[in-house]
Amino acid sequence: MKHLLFILAIFAVCCACSGDSRERQAAIAAQQYFNHLTEGDAVRFLEGKIGIDSLPADYCEQLLKAIEQYRDDMQQKHGGLVNVLISDNTDQKSDTAKANPEVLAYLILCFGDSTQEEIVVPMVEADGQWLMK
């Protein structure tokens, strides 16, 4: 009986030390990027996009305008984005067949008018950092 308890204790410690899954890490990163929108910081949201540093400056300006328009639309239609949650969706799947595997992050956008919307954000890992695809 002591041996069984010892084995169970070791198993519990190993599980606790395993860290977050790739899907969870990607979802946390996506949540942080969308939190920048709640703070009105479109630049930091855009910095979470993969390949943004290789795009022409004028195109980046257009993307910033589009993001700000999106934020303004959310404000007019739903009272703004007030919170971003990680969804409990358990259907998260990684595409490991690609050279740079994609992970789908499921988020719930919570708006000022108490409505919610679940979105899926494709994420890729680049140089140890999760970025939006």
N, C-alpha and C. Protein backbone atom coordinates (compact mmCIF):
# COMPACT_ATOMS: atom_id res chain seq x y z
N MET A 1 0.83 -1.18 0.00
CA MET A 1 0.00 0.00 0.00
C MET A 1 0.88 1.26 0.00
N LYS A 2 1.98 1.23 0.78
CA LYS A 2 2.87 2.37 0.83
C LYS A 2 3.49 2.64 -0.54
N HIS A 3 3.81 1.55 -1.25
CA HIS A 3 4.41 1.69 -2.56
C HIS A 3 3.43 2.34 -3.55
N LEU A 4 2.17 1.96 -3.44
CA LEU A 4 1.15 2.53 -4.32
C LEU A 4 0.98 4.02 -4.06
N LEU A 5 0.95 4.41 -2.79
CA LEU A 5 0.84 5.83 -2.46
C LEU A 5 2.07 6.61 -2.92
N PHE A 6 3.23 6.00 -2.80
CA PHE A 6 4.47 6.64 -3.24
C PHE A 6 4.44 6.86 -4.76
N ILE A 7 4.01 5.85 -5.49
CA ILE A 7 3.93 5.95 -6.96
C ILE A 7 2.90 7.02 -7.35
N LEU A 8 1.76 7.05 -6.69
CA LEU A 8 0.74 8.06 -6.98
C LEU A 8 1.26 9.48 -6.69
N ALA A 9 2.02 9.62 -5.62
CA ALA A 9 2.57 10.93 -5.27
C ALA A 9 3.57 11.39 -6.34
N ILE A 10 4.41 10.48 -6.80
CA ILE A 10 5.38 10.83 -7.85
C ILE A 10 4.65 11.20 -9.14
N PHE A 11 3.61 10.45 -9.48
CA PHE A 11 2.83 10.73 -10.68
C PHE A 11 2.20 12.12 -10.59
N ALA A 12 1.65 12.46 -9.42
CA ALA A 12 1.03 13.77 -9.24
C ALA A 12 2.05 14.90 -9.39
N VAL A 13 3.23 14.72 -8.84
CA VAL A 13 4.29 15.72 -8.96
C VAL A 13 4.71 15.88 -10.41
N CYS A 14 4.87 14.78 -11.12
CA CYS A 14 5.26 14.84 -12.54
C CYS A 14 4.21 15.56 -13.36
N CYS A 15 2.95 15.30 -13.10
CA CYS A 15 1.87 15.97 -13.84
C CYS A 15 1.86 17.46 -13.53
N ALA A 16 2.10 17.82 -12.30
CA ALA A 16 2.08 19.24 -11.91
C ALA A 16 3.24 20.00 -12.52
N CYS A 17 4.34 19.33 -12.77
CA CYS A 17 5.53 19.99 -13.30
C CYS A 17 5.59 19.99 -14.82
N SER A 18 4.62 19.39 -15.47
CA SER A 18 4.69 19.24 -16.92
C SER A 18 4.49 20.55 -17.66
N GLY A 19 3.90 21.58 -17.05
CA GLY A 19 3.72 22.86 -17.70
C GLY A 19 2.50 22.87 -18.61
N ASP A 20 2.29 24.02 -19.24
CA ASP A 20 1.15 24.18 -20.12
C ASP A 20 1.40 23.49 -21.46
N SER A 21 0.33 23.02 -22.06
CA SER A 21 0.43 22.42 -23.39
C SER A 21 0.70 23.51 -24.42
N ARG A 22 1.08 23.09 -25.61
CA ARG A 22 1.31 24.05 -26.70
C ARG A 22 0.03 24.84 -26.99
N GLU A 23 -1.11 24.15 -26.95
CA GLU A 23 -2.38 24.82 -27.21
C GLU A 23 -2.67 25.89 -26.15
N ARG A 24 -2.37 25.56 -24.92
CA ARG A 24 -2.60 26.51 -23.82
C ARG A 24 -1.65 27.70 -23.94
N GLN A 25 -0.38 27.45 -24.26
CA GLN A 25 0.58 28.54 -24.43
C GLN A 25 0.16 29.47 -25.57
N ALA A 26 -0.29 28.89 -26.67
CA ALA A 26 -0.74 29.68 -27.82
C ALA A 26 -1.97 30.51 -27.45
N ALA A 27 -2.90 29.91 -26.70
CA ALA A 27 -4.11 30.62 -26.30
C ALA A 27 -3.79 31.77 -25.36
N ILE A 28 -2.85 31.58 -24.47
CA ILE A 28 -2.44 32.66 -23.56
C ILE A 28 -1.84 33.81 -24.35
N ALA A 29 -1.00 33.50 -25.33
CA ALA A 29 -0.39 34.54 -26.16
C ALA A 29 -1.46 35.29 -26.95
N ALA A 30 -2.41 34.55 -27.55
CA ALA A 30 -3.49 35.18 -28.32
C ALA A 30 -4.33 36.08 -27.41
N GLN A 31 -4.60 35.61 -26.21
CA GLN A 31 -5.36 36.41 -25.25
C GLN A 31 -4.63 37.71 -24.94
N GLN A 32 -3.33 37.65 -24.77
CA GLN A 32 -2.55 38.85 -24.48
C GLN A 32 -2.61 39.85 -25.64
N TYR A 33 -2.52 39.34 -26.88
CA TYR A 33 -2.61 40.24 -28.04
C TYR A 33 -3.97 40.91 -28.10
N PHE A 34 -5.04 40.15 -27.88
CA PHE A 34 -6.38 40.73 -27.92
C PHE A 34 -6.62 41.66 -26.73
N ASN A 35 -5.94 41.42 -25.62
CA ASN A 35 -6.05 42.35 -24.49
C ASN A 35 -5.51 43.73 -24.86
N HIS A 36 -4.55 43.76 -25.79
CA HIS A 36 -4.05 45.06 -26.26
C HIS A 36 -5.17 45.85 -26.94
N LEU A 37 -6.09 45.14 -27.60
CA LEU A 37 -7.23 45.84 -28.22
C LEU A 37 -8.14 46.44 -27.15
N THR A 38 -8.33 45.72 -26.04
CA THR A 38 -9.18 46.26 -24.98
C THR A 38 -8.57 47.52 -24.39
N GLU A 39 -7.24 47.61 -24.45
CA GLU A 39 -6.52 48.78 -23.94
C GLU A 39 -6.38 49.87 -24.99
N GLY A 40 -6.87 49.60 -26.22
CA GLY A 40 -6.78 50.60 -27.29
C GLY A 40 -5.41 50.67 -27.94
N ASP A 41 -4.60 49.64 -27.79
CA ASP A 41 -3.23 49.65 -28.32
C ASP A 41 -3.14 48.76 -29.56
N ALA A 42 -3.52 49.33 -30.72
CA ALA A 42 -3.53 48.58 -31.97
C ALA A 42 -2.12 48.20 -32.42
N VAL A 43 -1.14 49.02 -32.08
CA VAL A 43 0.25 48.74 -32.48
C VAL A 43 0.74 47.46 -31.83
N ARG A 44 0.50 47.31 -30.53
CA ARG A 44 0.97 46.10 -29.82
C ARG A 44 0.19 44.87 -30.29
N PHE A 45 -1.09 45.05 -30.66
CA PHE A 45 -1.85 43.94 -31.22
C PHE A 45 -1.21 43.51 -32.53
N LEU A 46 -0.88 44.46 -33.38
CA LEU A 46 -0.28 44.16 -34.68
C LEU A 46 1.10 43.52 -34.54
N GLU A 47 1.83 43.87 -33.51
CA GLU A 47 3.15 43.27 -33.27
C GLU A 47 3.05 41.78 -32.99
N GLY A 48 1.86 41.30 -32.66
CA GLY A 48 1.64 39.89 -32.41
C GLY A 48 1.40 39.08 -33.67
N LYS A 49 1.47 39.72 -34.82
CA LYS A 49 1.25 39.06 -36.11
C LYS A 49 2.58 38.58 -36.68
N ILE A 50 2.61 37.33 -37.12
CA ILE A 50 3.84 36.80 -37.68
C ILE A 50 4.19 37.50 -38.99
N GLY A 51 5.45 37.79 -39.17
CA GLY A 51 5.93 38.40 -40.40
C GLY A 51 5.70 39.89 -40.52
N ILE A 52 5.20 40.52 -39.47
CA ILE A 52 4.88 41.95 -39.55
C ILE A 52 6.13 42.79 -39.78
N ASP A 53 7.26 42.34 -39.28
CA ASP A 53 8.50 43.10 -39.42
C ASP A 53 9.04 43.10 -40.85
N SER A 54 8.53 42.22 -41.70
CA SER A 54 9.01 42.17 -43.08
C SER A 54 8.05 42.84 -44.06
N LEU A 55 6.98 43.44 -43.56
CA LEU A 55 6.01 44.10 -44.43
C LEU A 55 6.39 45.56 -44.66
N PRO A 56 6.04 46.12 -45.83
CA PRO A 56 6.32 47.53 -46.09
C PRO A 56 5.58 48.44 -45.10
N ALA A 57 6.17 49.55 -44.76
CA ALA A 57 5.62 50.47 -43.76
C ALA A 57 4.22 50.95 -44.14
N ASP A 58 3.98 51.24 -45.42
CA ASP A 58 2.66 51.74 -45.81
C ASP A 58 1.59 50.66 -45.64
N TYR A 59 1.96 49.41 -45.86
CA TYR A 59 1.02 48.32 -45.66
C TYR A 59 0.72 48.15 -44.17
N CYS A 60 1.72 48.31 -43.34
CA CYS A 60 1.52 48.23 -41.88
C CYS A 60 0.58 49.34 -41.42
N GLU A 61 0.71 50.51 -42.00
CA GLU A 61 -0.20 51.63 -41.67
C GLU A 61 -1.64 51.28 -42.04
N GLN A 62 -1.82 50.64 -43.19
CA GLN A 62 -3.16 50.21 -43.60
C GLN A 62 -3.72 49.17 -42.64
N LEU A 63 -2.87 48.25 -42.22
CA LEU A 63 -3.31 47.24 -41.25
C LEU A 63 -3.71 47.89 -39.93
N LEU A 64 -2.93 48.87 -39.49
CA LEU A 64 -3.27 49.59 -38.24
C LEU A 64 -4.61 50.29 -38.36
N LYS A 65 -4.86 50.92 -39.51
CA LYS A 65 -6.15 51.59 -39.72
C LYS A 65 -7.29 50.58 -39.70
N ALA A 66 -7.08 49.41 -40.30
CA ALA A 66 -8.10 48.37 -40.31
C ALA A 66 -8.38 47.86 -38.89
N ILE A 67 -7.35 47.70 -38.10
CA ILE A 67 -7.51 47.25 -36.71
C ILE A 67 -8.25 48.30 -35.90
N GLU A 68 -7.89 49.56 -36.09
CA GLU A 68 -8.58 50.63 -35.37
C GLU A 68 -10.05 50.72 -35.79
N GLN A 69 -10.33 50.49 -37.08
CA GLN A 69 -11.71 50.48 -37.55
C GLN A 69 -12.48 49.32 -36.92
N TYR A 70 -11.84 48.17 -36.83
CA TYR A 70 -12.44 47.00 -36.18
C TYR A 70 -12.78 47.32 -34.73
N ARG A 71 -11.84 47.95 -34.04
CA ARG A 71 -12.07 48.32 -32.64
C ARG A 71 -13.21 49.34 -32.52
N ASP A 72 -13.24 50.31 -33.44
CA ASP A 72 -14.31 51.31 -33.43
C ASP A 72 -15.67 50.66 -33.70
N ASP A 73 -15.71 49.70 -34.63
CA ASP A 73 -16.95 48.98 -34.92
C ASP A 73 -17.44 48.22 -33.69
N MET A 74 -16.51 47.57 -32.98
CA MET A 74 -16.89 46.87 -31.75
C MET A 74 -17.46 47.84 -30.72
N GLN A 75 -16.87 49.04 -30.67
CA GLN A 75 -17.34 50.05 -29.72
C GLN A 75 -18.77 50.48 -30.07
N GLN A 76 -19.02 50.74 -31.34
CA GLN A 76 -20.34 51.22 -31.77
C GLN A 76 -21.40 50.13 -31.66
N LYS A 77 -21.07 48.91 -32.05
CA LYS A 77 -22.06 47.84 -32.09
C LYS A 77 -22.28 47.15 -30.75
N HIS A 78 -21.23 47.05 -29.95
CA HIS A 78 -21.33 46.24 -28.72
C HIS A 78 -20.81 46.93 -27.46
N GLY A 79 -20.55 48.21 -27.53
CA GLY A 79 -20.04 48.89 -26.35
C GLY A 79 -18.57 48.62 -26.09
N GLY A 80 -17.87 48.13 -27.09
CA GLY A 80 -16.43 47.91 -26.98
C GLY A 80 -16.08 46.53 -26.45
N LEU A 81 -14.84 46.17 -26.67
CA LEU A 81 -14.30 44.92 -26.17
C LEU A 81 -13.82 45.17 -24.74
N VAL A 82 -14.39 44.45 -23.79
CA VAL A 82 -14.05 44.71 -22.39
C VAL A 82 -13.22 43.60 -21.73
N ASN A 83 -13.30 42.38 -22.31
CA ASN A 83 -12.54 41.28 -21.71
C ASN A 83 -12.31 40.20 -22.75
N VAL A 84 -11.22 39.48 -22.60
CA VAL A 84 -10.89 38.36 -23.48
C VAL A 84 -10.58 37.15 -22.61
N LEU A 85 -11.31 36.07 -22.85
CA LEU A 85 -11.14 34.84 -22.08
C LEU A 85 -10.66 33.72 -22.98
N ILE A 86 -9.98 32.77 -22.40
CA ILE A 86 -9.60 31.57 -23.13
C ILE A 86 -10.77 30.60 -23.02
N SER A 87 -11.21 30.10 -24.15
CA SER A 87 -12.35 29.20 -24.20
C SER A 87 -12.00 27.84 -23.61
N ASP A 88 -13.02 27.17 -23.09
CA ASP A 88 -12.85 25.81 -22.58
C ASP A 88 -13.02 24.79 -23.70
N ASN A 89 -13.08 25.25 -24.93
CA ASN A 89 -13.28 24.37 -26.08
C ASN A 89 -12.21 23.28 -26.05
N THR A 90 -12.65 22.05 -26.10
CA THR A 90 -11.70 20.94 -26.02
C THR A 90 -11.36 20.36 -27.38
N ASP A 91 -11.85 20.97 -28.44
CA ASP A 91 -11.59 20.46 -29.79
C ASP A 91 -10.34 21.08 -30.39
N GLN A 92 -9.46 21.59 -29.57
CA GLN A 92 -8.25 22.23 -30.09
C GLN A 92 -7.37 21.18 -30.74
N LYS A 93 -6.92 21.50 -31.94
CA LYS A 93 -6.09 20.56 -32.68
C LYS A 93 -4.89 21.29 -33.25
N SER A 94 -3.77 20.63 -33.24
CA SER A 94 -2.55 21.16 -33.83
C SER A 94 -2.36 20.53 -35.19
N ASP A 95 -1.87 21.32 -36.13
CA ASP A 95 -1.54 20.79 -37.44
C ASP A 95 -0.03 20.58 -37.47
N THR A 96 0.38 19.37 -37.19
CA THR A 96 1.81 19.08 -37.12
C THR A 96 2.37 18.62 -38.46
N ALA A 97 1.54 18.58 -39.50
CA ALA A 97 2.02 18.15 -40.82
C ALA A 97 2.80 19.25 -41.51
N LYS A 98 2.60 20.48 -41.12
CA LYS A 98 3.29 21.60 -41.75
C LYS A 98 4.68 21.78 -41.15
N ALA A 99 5.53 22.49 -41.89
CA ALA A 99 6.89 22.74 -41.41
C ALA A 99 6.85 23.56 -40.13
N ASN A 100 5.95 24.53 -40.04
CA ASN A 100 5.80 25.36 -38.85
C ASN A 100 4.40 25.09 -38.30
N PRO A 101 4.24 24.11 -37.42
CA PRO A 101 2.92 23.67 -36.99
C PRO A 101 2.05 24.80 -36.45
N GLU A 102 0.83 24.75 -36.86
CA GLU A 102 -0.16 25.74 -36.46
C GLU A 102 -0.97 25.20 -35.30
N VAL A 103 -1.29 26.07 -34.36
CA VAL A 103 -2.14 25.71 -33.23
C VAL A 103 -3.32 26.68 -33.24
N LEU A 104 -4.49 26.14 -33.03
CA LEU A 104 -5.69 26.98 -33.00
C LEU A 104 -5.97 27.40 -31.57
N ALA A 105 -6.04 28.71 -31.35
CA ALA A 105 -6.36 29.26 -30.03
C ALA A 105 -7.82 29.69 -30.04
N TYR A 106 -8.58 29.21 -29.09
CA TYR A 106 -10.00 29.53 -28.98
C TYR A 106 -10.18 30.59 -27.89
N LEU A 107 -10.72 31.74 -28.28
CA LEU A 107 -10.93 32.84 -27.34
C LEU A 107 -12.40 33.22 -27.30
N ILE A 108 -12.81 33.81 -26.19
CA ILE A 108 -14.15 34.37 -26.06
C ILE A 108 -13.98 35.88 -25.88
N LEU A 109 -14.53 36.63 -26.82
CA LEU A 109 -14.51 38.09 -26.72
C LEU A 109 -15.75 38.53 -25.98
N CYS A 110 -15.57 39.29 -24.92
CA CYS A 110 -16.67 39.77 -24.10
C CYS A 110 -16.84 41.26 -24.35
N PHE A 111 -18.04 41.67 -24.72
CA PHE A 111 -18.30 43.05 -25.10
C PHE A 111 -19.05 43.80 -24.01
N GLY A 112 -19.04 45.11 -24.12
CA GLY A 112 -19.66 45.99 -23.14
C GLY A 112 -21.16 45.80 -23.01
N ASP A 113 -21.82 45.31 -24.06
CA ASP A 113 -23.27 45.10 -24.00
C ASP A 113 -23.62 43.70 -23.49
N SER A 114 -22.68 43.02 -22.90
CA SER A 114 -22.78 41.68 -22.29
C SER A 114 -22.89 40.55 -23.31
N THR A 115 -22.69 40.84 -24.58
CA THR A 115 -22.66 39.75 -25.56
C THR A 115 -21.25 39.17 -25.60
N GLN A 116 -21.17 37.95 -26.11
CA GLN A 116 -19.88 37.27 -26.23
C GLN A 116 -19.79 36.64 -27.61
N GLU A 117 -18.56 36.49 -28.07
CA GLU A 117 -18.31 35.85 -29.36
C GLU A 117 -17.07 34.97 -29.22
N GLU A 118 -17.20 33.71 -29.64
CA GLU A 118 -16.04 32.82 -29.62
C GLU A 118 -15.35 32.92 -30.97
N ILE A 119 -14.05 33.10 -30.93
CA ILE A 119 -13.27 33.19 -32.16
C ILE A 119 -12.14 32.17 -32.12
N VAL A 120 -11.61 31.86 -33.28
CA VAL A 120 -10.48 30.95 -33.40
C VAL A 120 -9.33 31.74 -34.01
N VAL A 121 -8.19 31.72 -33.35
CA VAL A 121 -7.02 32.46 -33.80
C VAL A 121 -5.92 31.46 -34.14
N PRO A 122 -5.56 31.34 -35.43
CA PRO A 122 -4.45 30.47 -35.79
C PRO A 122 -3.14 31.06 -35.26
N MET A 123 -2.36 30.24 -34.58
CA MET A 123 -1.11 30.69 -33.97
C MET A 123 0.03 29.80 -34.46
N VAL A 124 1.21 30.42 -34.61
CA VAL A 124 2.42 29.66 -34.95
C VAL A 124 3.53 30.08 -34.00
N GLU A 125 4.42 29.14 -33.74
CA GLU A 125 5.56 29.44 -32.87
C GLU A 125 6.76 29.81 -33.73
N ALA A 126 7.33 30.96 -33.43
CA ALA A 126 8.51 31.44 -34.16
C ALA A 126 9.53 31.94 -33.14
N ASP A 127 10.71 31.33 -33.16
CA ASP A 127 11.79 31.70 -32.23
C ASP A 127 11.33 31.69 -30.79
N GLY A 128 10.54 30.68 -30.42
CA GLY A 128 10.09 30.53 -29.04
C GLY A 128 8.96 31.45 -28.62
N GLN A 129 8.37 32.17 -29.58
CA GLN A 129 7.29 33.09 -29.27
C GLN A 129 6.06 32.73 -30.11
N TRP A 130 4.89 32.74 -29.49
CA TRP A 130 3.66 32.46 -30.22
C TRP A 130 3.16 33.73 -30.88
N LEU A 131 2.88 33.63 -32.17
CA LEU A 131 2.40 34.79 -32.95
C LEU A 131 1.15 34.40 -33.72
N MET A 132 0.32 35.40 -33.98
CA MET A 132 -0.91 35.17 -34.76
C MET A 132 -0.53 35.00 -36.23
N LYS A 133 -1.21 34.07 -36.85
CA LYS A 133 -0.95 33.81 -38.27
C LYS A 133 -1.70 34.81 -39.13
